[in-house]
Amino acid sequence: MAPQREWFEKDYYKVLGVPQSATEADIRRAYRKLAKENHPDANPGKEERFKEISAAYDVLSEPSKRKDYDEIRRLGPMAGNGGAGAPGGPGGSPFTVRTDNLGDLFGDLLGRFGAGGAGGAGGRPRTTASPGQRGDDVEAELHLSFLDALNGVTTSVNVTSEAPCSTCHGSGAAPGTTPVVCSRCGGRGVTSENQGLFSFSRACPQCAGRGMVVETPCPTCRGGGVETRPRQVKVRIPAGVDDGQRIRVKGRGTPGRSGAPAGDLWVTVRVAPHDMFGRKGRHLTLAVPITFAEAALGAQITVPTLDGTVVLRVPPGTRSGRTFRVKGRGVVDDKSAGDLLVTVEVAVPTKLSPAQREAIEALATASTDSPRTHLHIEKPGV
């Protein structure tokens, strides 16, 4: 079937199982799922289905191709609908388009795909290999101490996923052999077909777009070039990483197929709590107990930080729960440093010595104002 006729007869949206309003991300996700389920390396006998999926993705994944596909489908109904004078019917042509914008539409197509035959003056034939399947992303978790998360660390995470075959190193060929250039496409991965006005390219059916053919498959991966095995991946965690933050390690996911890039590794960081410090974004938090005398009379207290101690001035009349800011003693990253937020809490003794009790009773006797005066509520009708 000629490729341009497929644009009329094949509903590529239906092939990928997505609506016509699907976003690029929706199309990419659908393609990856279907390609994985129907890849001929893992599913013998699915070659035709894989080609159909690849052809649909080749068109719908490129905005310009998708626009032309949608326009041609809108202008010319599918061939074979029947009816006199209709496309595919008696007296009809395989497809019809309006002639008022024929030059604009086909001119754009000619410039993009290349013209074929005598009617293609000014166009240059061009072939583009069908895109291979990008490798899948891999998820992993990394547990860090509070201090390692603040300071940054380079470590390794354990991942069990597809990786280049340890026997053939990803070539798919048995040891002592190498893949050979595909005799049908000459190693280009695509074959060209001239269809009158157009010259179209599609993935080579013999090598499935790889450009190479494995004559003696590797016994470990059976020619696929990948195997599932545990591996360690080195990860650099930047200073100041927060709990739940995801770090991307580019290209360390599963290998791509047919020369496509590998997926990425996404590491979710889990940070253990600290015995003393808490965290709010770029700021550290610390709760410090003070006595009633220090709160009432004021004092200078020593508070810990991650790199030593600082002296904090508590003014007279400080209420319990007040927070003080110590500049630059919080989370430090490549850009700046956060602050240390110190919350003072008045400690109430649970046991009193006779001297303490006498002093507090004297204070109570000397106190004339009640802190609950503002809570007085007048009775109705008074």
Protein backbone atom coordinates (compact mmCIF):
# COMPACT_ATOMS: atom_id res chain seq x y z
CA MET A 1 0.00 0.00 0.00
CA ALA A 2 1.46 3.34 -1.01
CA PRO A 3 2.39 5.52 1.97
CA GLN A 4 0.31 8.54 0.89
CA ARG A 5 -2.73 6.32 0.40
CA GLU A 6 -2.23 5.13 3.98
CA TRP A 7 -2.78 8.70 5.12
CA PHE A 8 -6.34 8.41 3.76
CA GLU A 9 -7.04 4.83 4.70
CA LYS A 10 -5.22 4.53 8.07
CA ASP A 11 -6.55 6.25 11.14
CA TYR A 12 -3.26 6.73 12.97
CA TYR A 13 -5.05 8.03 16.05
CA LYS A 14 -6.96 4.77 16.26
CA VAL A 15 -3.76 2.78 15.70
CA LEU A 16 -2.23 4.39 18.81
CA GLY A 17 -5.53 4.38 20.69
CA VAL A 18 -5.62 8.14 21.33
CA PRO A 19 -8.21 10.81 20.46
CA GLN A 20 -7.51 13.37 17.74
CA SER A 21 -7.16 16.00 20.46
CA ALA A 22 -4.34 14.06 22.15
CA THR A 23 -1.29 16.04 23.24
CA GLU A 24 2.28 15.19 22.20
CA ALA A 25 2.82 13.66 25.65
CA ASP A 26 -0.30 11.48 25.26
CA ILE A 27 0.92 10.25 21.86
CA ARG A 28 4.41 9.55 23.19
CA ARG A 29 3.09 7.55 26.15
CA ALA A 30 0.74 5.54 23.96
CA TYR A 31 3.53 4.77 21.48
CA ARG A 32 5.97 3.63 24.17
CA LYS A 33 3.41 1.32 25.70
CA LEU A 34 2.35 -0.23 22.38
CA ALA A 35 5.90 -0.48 21.03
CA LYS A 36 7.00 -2.30 24.16
CA GLU A 37 4.07 -4.73 23.93
CA ASN A 38 4.58 -5.42 20.21
CA HIS A 39 8.34 -5.13 19.66
CA PRO A 40 9.43 -8.04 17.44
CA ASP A 41 12.55 -8.69 19.53
CA ALA A 42 10.41 -9.73 22.49
CA ASN A 43 7.24 -10.71 20.63
CA PRO A 44 7.95 -12.72 17.47
CA GLY A 45 5.14 -12.47 14.94
CA LYS A 46 4.30 -8.86 15.86
CA GLU A 47 6.43 -7.33 13.08
CA GLU A 48 3.51 -5.93 11.05
CA ARG A 49 1.79 -4.51 14.12
CA PHE A 50 5.06 -2.88 15.21
CA LYS A 51 5.51 -1.32 11.76
CA GLU A 52 1.97 0.03 11.88
CA ILE A 53 2.57 1.57 15.32
CA SER A 54 5.90 3.04 14.21
CA ALA A 55 4.34 4.54 11.08
CA ALA A 56 1.57 6.15 13.14
CA TYR A 57 4.03 7.59 15.64
CA ASP A 58 6.33 8.82 12.85
CA VAL A 59 3.51 11.03 11.58
CA LEU A 60 1.73 12.08 14.78
CA SER A 61 4.86 12.79 16.82
CA GLU A 62 6.05 15.52 14.43
CA PRO A 63 3.81 18.62 14.64
CA SER A 64 4.36 19.52 10.98
CA LYS A 65 3.61 16.02 9.71
CA ARG A 66 0.63 15.75 12.00
CA LYS A 67 -0.75 19.03 10.69
CA ASP A 68 -0.43 17.85 7.08
CA TYR A 69 -1.94 14.47 7.94
CA ASP A 70 -4.93 16.11 9.62
CA GLU A 71 -5.38 18.50 6.68
CA ILE A 72 -5.22 15.79 4.03
CA ARG A 73 -7.62 13.61 6.00
CA ARG A 74 -10.00 16.55 6.24
CA LEU A 75 -9.77 17.47 2.53
CA GLY A 76 -9.93 13.98 1.06
CA PRO A 77 -12.12 11.22 2.49
CA MET A 78 -10.80 7.69 2.82
CA ALA A 79 -10.42 5.79 -0.40
CA GLY A 80 -12.90 3.01 -1.08
CA ASN A 81 -16.00 4.68 0.34
CA GLY A 82 -17.80 3.97 -2.93
CA GLY A 83 -20.38 6.03 -4.80
CA ALA A 84 -20.26 7.43 -8.33
CA GLY A 85 -17.74 10.15 -8.65
CA ALA A 86 -16.62 9.65 -5.07
CA PRO A 87 -13.05 8.75 -4.20
CA GLY A 88 -12.48 5.11 -4.96
CA GLY A 89 -15.87 4.80 -6.70
CA PRO A 90 -16.62 4.42 -10.40
CA GLY A 91 -15.27 7.37 -12.27
CA GLY A 92 -13.59 8.71 -9.15
CA SER A 93 -9.91 9.14 -8.33
CA PRO A 94 -8.26 7.51 -5.32
CA PHE A 95 -8.72 10.79 -3.44
CA THR A 96 -9.90 14.32 -4.01
CA VAL A 97 -8.88 17.68 -2.61
CA ARG A 98 -10.06 21.22 -3.17
CA THR A 99 -8.07 22.87 -5.92
CA ASP A 100 -8.19 26.34 -4.37
CA ASN A 101 -5.49 25.50 -1.84
CA LEU A 102 -3.84 22.60 -3.64
CA GLY A 103 -0.68 24.58 -4.30
CA ASP A 104 -0.28 25.66 -0.69
CA LEU A 105 -0.92 22.20 0.71
CA PHE A 106 1.18 20.19 -1.74
CA GLY A 107 3.87 22.86 -1.89
CA ASP A 108 4.36 22.51 1.83
CA LEU A 109 4.44 18.74 1.52
CA LEU A 110 6.92 18.87 -1.35
CA GLY A 111 9.27 21.02 0.63
CA ARG A 112 9.07 18.67 3.59
CA PHE A 113 9.14 15.22 1.97
CA GLY A 114 10.75 15.89 -1.42
CA ALA A 115 9.12 15.64 -4.85
CA GLY A 116 9.31 12.63 -7.09
CA GLY A 117 8.98 12.32 -10.84
CA ALA A 118 8.64 15.10 -13.40
CA GLY A 119 6.10 16.99 -11.34
CA GLY A 120 8.59 17.49 -8.52
CA ALA A 121 10.63 20.32 -9.90
CA GLY A 122 12.32 22.29 -7.15
CA GLY A 123 11.93 19.56 -4.50
CA ARG A 124 14.74 17.43 -3.16
CA PRO A 125 14.03 13.79 -2.25
CA ARG A 126 14.87 13.13 1.35
CA THR A 127 14.68 10.05 3.55
CA THR A 128 14.36 10.01 7.29
CA ALA A 129 14.78 6.87 9.31
CA SER A 130 11.80 5.81 11.33
CA PRO A 131 12.46 6.72 14.99
CA GLY A 132 13.47 3.88 17.26
CA GLN A 133 11.95 3.30 20.65
CA ARG A 134 13.39 5.53 23.35
CA GLY A 135 14.33 3.67 26.49
CA ASP A 136 11.98 3.71 29.47
CA ASP A 137 12.59 5.89 32.49
CA VAL A 138 13.51 4.09 35.71
CA GLU A 139 12.51 5.05 39.25
CA ALA A 140 14.64 4.55 42.37
CA GLU A 141 14.68 5.74 45.98
CA LEU A 142 17.69 7.00 47.94
CA HIS A 143 17.63 7.36 51.73
CA LEU A 144 19.90 10.08 53.15
CA SER A 145 20.69 11.40 56.59
CA PHE A 146 19.61 14.95 57.42
CA LEU A 147 23.20 16.25 57.24
CA ASP A 148 24.04 14.44 53.97
CA ALA A 149 20.97 16.03 52.38
CA LEU A 150 22.08 19.49 53.52
CA ASN A 151 25.73 19.10 52.49
CA GLY A 152 25.26 17.12 49.28
CA VAL A 153 26.80 13.75 48.53
CA THR A 154 27.91 11.54 45.65
CA THR A 155 26.72 7.98 46.11
CA SER A 156 25.27 5.00 44.24
CA VAL A 157 21.77 3.63 43.94
CA ASN A 158 20.86 0.02 43.22
CA VAL A 159 18.60 -0.47 40.21
CA THR A 160 17.19 -3.64 38.66
CA SER A 161 16.12 -2.92 35.09
CA GLU A 162 16.97 -3.51 31.46
CA ALA A 163 20.62 -2.75 30.69
CA PRO A 164 23.00 -3.42 27.78
CA CYS A 165 23.60 -7.14 27.57
CA SER A 166 26.72 -8.13 29.51
CA THR A 167 27.59 -10.77 26.91
CA CYS A 168 27.28 -8.84 23.64
CA HIS A 169 27.49 -5.33 25.16
CA GLY A 170 24.30 -4.29 23.43
CA SER A 171 25.08 -5.39 19.87
CA GLY A 172 22.68 -8.34 19.96
CA ALA A 173 25.22 -10.52 18.14
CA ALA A 174 26.81 -13.67 19.56
CA PRO A 175 30.42 -13.36 20.80
CA GLY A 176 32.84 -13.49 17.86
CA THR A 177 30.26 -12.16 15.43
CA THR A 178 28.99 -8.71 14.54
CA PRO A 179 25.76 -7.39 13.01
CA VAL A 180 25.91 -6.97 9.24
CA VAL A 181 24.61 -4.14 7.11
CA CYS A 182 21.06 -4.72 5.95
CA SER A 183 21.10 -5.75 2.29
CA ARG A 184 17.70 -4.22 1.57
CA CYS A 185 18.21 -0.67 2.84
CA GLY A 186 22.00 -0.53 2.69
CA GLY A 187 22.23 0.40 6.35
CA ARG A 188 19.97 3.47 6.16
CA GLY A 189 17.14 1.86 8.10
CA VAL A 190 14.56 3.16 5.60
CA THR A 191 13.33 2.29 2.14
CA SER A 192 12.05 4.85 -0.34
CA GLU A 193 9.01 4.54 -2.56
CA ASN A 194 8.23 6.89 -5.43
CA GLN A 195 4.49 7.39 -5.83
CA GLY A 196 4.13 9.81 -8.68
CA LEU A 197 4.16 13.25 -7.15
CA PHE A 198 5.70 12.16 -3.86
CA SER A 199 8.70 10.24 -2.60
CA PHE A 200 8.06 8.67 0.79
CA SER A 201 10.28 6.79 3.20
CA ARG A 202 9.34 4.13 5.70
CA ALA A 203 11.15 1.82 8.10
CA CYS A 204 12.93 -1.00 6.33
CA PRO A 205 10.84 -4.18 6.81
CA GLN A 206 13.91 -6.40 6.78
CA CYS A 207 15.83 -4.73 9.63
CA ALA A 208 12.88 -2.92 11.29
CA GLY A 209 14.64 0.41 10.88
CA ARG A 210 17.90 -0.62 12.54
CA GLY A 211 20.07 -0.59 9.43
CA MET A 212 21.84 -3.71 10.69
CA VAL A 213 20.84 -7.37 10.81
CA VAL A 214 21.94 -9.85 13.47
CA GLU A 215 22.63 -13.15 11.73
CA THR A 216 23.82 -15.02 14.85
CA PRO A 217 21.89 -13.80 17.90
CA CYS A 218 23.54 -13.51 21.29
CA PRO A 219 22.57 -16.51 23.47
CA THR A 220 22.03 -14.32 26.53
CA CYS A 221 19.72 -11.63 25.15
CA ARG A 222 18.58 -13.56 22.03
CA GLY A 223 19.53 -10.69 19.78
CA GLY A 224 17.72 -7.98 21.70
CA GLY A 225 20.90 -6.36 23.00
CA VAL A 226 19.47 -5.89 26.51
CA GLU A 227 18.96 -7.99 29.62
CA THR A 228 17.32 -7.39 32.99
CA ARG A 229 19.90 -7.32 35.76
CA PRO A 230 20.84 -5.42 38.91
CA ARG A 231 23.27 -2.55 38.51
CA GLN A 232 24.67 0.38 40.44
CA VAL A 233 24.35 3.92 39.16
CA LYS A 234 26.42 6.75 40.57
CA VAL A 235 24.30 9.75 41.55
CA ARG A 236 25.42 13.23 42.57
CA ILE A 237 23.02 14.73 45.09
CA PRO A 238 23.31 18.54 45.26
CA ALA A 239 23.55 20.36 48.60
CA GLY A 240 20.23 21.36 50.10
CA VAL A 241 18.11 18.60 48.56
CA ASP A 242 14.72 18.29 50.27
CA ASP A 243 12.71 15.25 51.28
CA GLY A 244 10.68 13.92 48.35
CA GLN A 245 12.71 15.81 45.73
CA ARG A 246 13.38 13.94 42.47
CA ILE A 247 16.84 13.99 40.89
CA ARG A 248 17.16 13.23 37.18
CA VAL A 249 20.16 11.24 35.94
CA LYS A 250 20.02 11.59 32.17
CA GLY A 251 20.52 8.52 30.02
CA ARG A 252 20.76 6.01 32.87
CA GLY A 253 17.36 4.41 32.34
CA THR A 254 16.76 1.44 30.05
CA PRO A 255 18.59 1.36 26.69
CA GLY A 256 16.86 2.67 23.57
CA ARG A 257 16.12 0.47 20.57
CA SER A 258 17.28 0.99 17.00
CA GLY A 259 19.72 3.72 17.98
CA ALA A 260 17.20 5.70 20.00
CA PRO A 261 18.42 7.37 23.21
CA ALA A 262 18.24 5.66 26.58
CA GLY A 263 15.66 6.64 29.16
CA ASP A 264 16.46 8.56 32.33
CA LEU A 265 16.85 7.51 35.95
CA TRP A 266 14.68 9.44 38.42
CA VAL A 267 15.88 9.22 42.00
CA THR A 268 13.44 10.18 44.76
CA VAL A 269 15.31 11.38 47.85
CA ARG A 270 14.06 10.40 51.31
CA VAL A 271 15.62 12.45 54.12
CA ALA A 272 15.70 11.14 57.69
CA PRO A 273 14.62 13.60 60.43
CA HIS A 274 17.17 15.24 62.72
CA ASP A 275 17.07 14.89 66.51
CA MET A 276 17.28 18.65 67.04
CA PHE A 277 16.70 20.60 63.83
CA GLY A 278 13.70 20.78 61.55
CA ARG A 279 13.36 22.30 58.11
CA LYS A 280 11.06 24.68 56.24
CA GLY A 281 12.29 24.98 52.69
CA ARG A 282 15.68 26.74 52.84
CA HIS A 283 15.31 27.55 56.54
CA LEU A 284 16.23 25.40 59.54
CA THR A 285 14.03 25.41 62.63
CA LEU A 286 15.00 24.94 66.27
CA ALA A 287 12.98 24.96 69.49
CA VAL A 288 14.88 26.31 72.56
CA PRO A 289 13.50 26.25 76.14
CA ILE A 290 13.97 29.32 78.38
CA THR A 291 13.02 30.02 81.98
CA PHE A 292 10.23 32.34 83.06
CA ALA A 293 12.82 34.72 84.47
CA GLU A 294 14.69 34.85 81.14
CA ALA A 295 11.43 35.53 79.31
CA ALA A 296 10.28 38.21 81.74
CA LEU A 297 13.59 39.95 82.41
CA GLY A 298 15.38 39.27 79.13
CA ALA A 299 18.62 37.35 78.65
CA GLN A 300 21.36 36.34 76.27
CA ILE A 301 21.22 32.62 75.51
CA THR A 302 23.52 30.33 73.53
CA VAL A 303 21.86 28.28 70.79
CA PRO A 304 23.42 25.57 68.59
CA THR A 305 23.73 25.72 64.79
CA LEU A 306 25.01 23.20 62.27
CA ASP A 307 28.50 24.69 62.44
CA GLY A 308 28.90 25.89 66.02
CA THR A 309 26.91 28.12 68.37
CA VAL A 310 25.56 31.67 68.31
CA VAL A 311 24.43 34.04 71.08
CA LEU A 312 20.78 35.10 70.84
CA ARG A 313 19.40 38.14 72.69
CA VAL A 314 15.99 37.52 74.23
CA PRO A 315 14.34 40.88 75.03
CA PRO A 316 12.38 41.44 78.28
CA GLY A 317 8.73 40.39 78.11
CA THR A 318 9.25 37.70 75.47
CA ARG A 319 6.21 35.46 75.15
CA SER A 320 6.44 31.72 74.81
CA GLY A 321 6.37 30.64 71.15
CA ARG A 322 8.09 33.74 69.75
CA THR A 323 10.43 33.01 66.84
CA PHE A 324 13.77 34.74 66.26
CA ARG A 325 15.69 34.72 62.97
CA VAL A 326 19.43 34.04 62.80
CA LYS A 327 20.58 35.14 59.33
CA GLY A 328 22.57 32.80 57.09
CA ARG A 329 22.56 29.78 59.41
CA GLY A 330 20.05 27.70 57.45
CA VAL A 331 20.31 25.51 54.36
CA VAL A 332 23.20 26.51 52.10
CA ASP A 333 22.98 25.77 48.36
CA ASP A 334 24.76 27.00 45.22
CA LYS A 335 22.80 30.26 45.19
CA SER A 336 22.42 31.45 48.79
CA ALA A 337 21.86 30.44 52.40
CA GLY A 338 18.65 30.22 54.37
CA ASP A 339 18.17 31.28 57.99
CA LEU A 340 17.89 29.54 61.35
CA LEU A 341 14.45 30.10 62.90
CA VAL A 342 14.71 29.81 66.71
CA THR A 343 11.44 29.44 68.62
CA VAL A 344 11.69 30.00 72.38
CA GLU A 345 9.38 28.10 74.69
CA VAL A 346 8.97 29.02 78.34
CA ALA A 347 9.67 25.93 80.42
CA VAL A 348 7.32 25.44 83.38
CA PRO A 349 8.94 23.43 86.19
CA THR A 350 7.03 20.39 87.35
CA LYS A 351 8.70 20.28 90.75
CA LEU A 352 9.54 23.32 92.91
CA SER A 353 12.00 23.67 95.74
CA PRO A 354 10.81 25.54 98.84
CA ALA A 355 12.78 28.63 97.80
CA GLN A 356 11.30 28.55 94.31
CA ARG A 357 7.78 28.17 95.64
CA GLU A 358 8.27 31.07 98.06
CA ALA A 359 9.58 33.29 95.26
CA ILE A 360 6.70 32.45 92.90
CA GLU A 361 4.12 33.00 95.64
CA ALA A 362 5.66 36.38 96.34
CA LEU A 363 5.41 37.21 92.64
CA ALA A 364 1.77 36.15 92.60
CA THR A 365 1.01 38.35 95.61
CA ALA A 366 2.74 41.31 93.99
CA SER A 367 0.91 40.86 90.68
CA THR A 368 -2.12 43.18 90.49
CA ASP A 369 -3.16 42.74 86.84
CA SER A 370 -4.73 39.53 85.55
CA PRO A 371 -3.80 38.41 82.03
CA ARG A 372 -7.41 37.28 81.60
CA THR A 373 -9.00 40.70 82.04
CA HIS A 374 -9.79 41.00 78.34
CA LEU A 375 -11.79 37.74 78.49
CA HIS A 376 -14.59 39.38 80.58
CA ILE A 377 -18.02 39.05 78.93
CA GLU A 378 -20.99 41.15 80.04
CA LYS A 379 -24.17 39.29 80.87
CA PRO A 380 -27.22 39.94 78.64
CA GLY A 381 -29.46 42.68 79.90
CA VAL A 382 -26.89 44.20 82.22
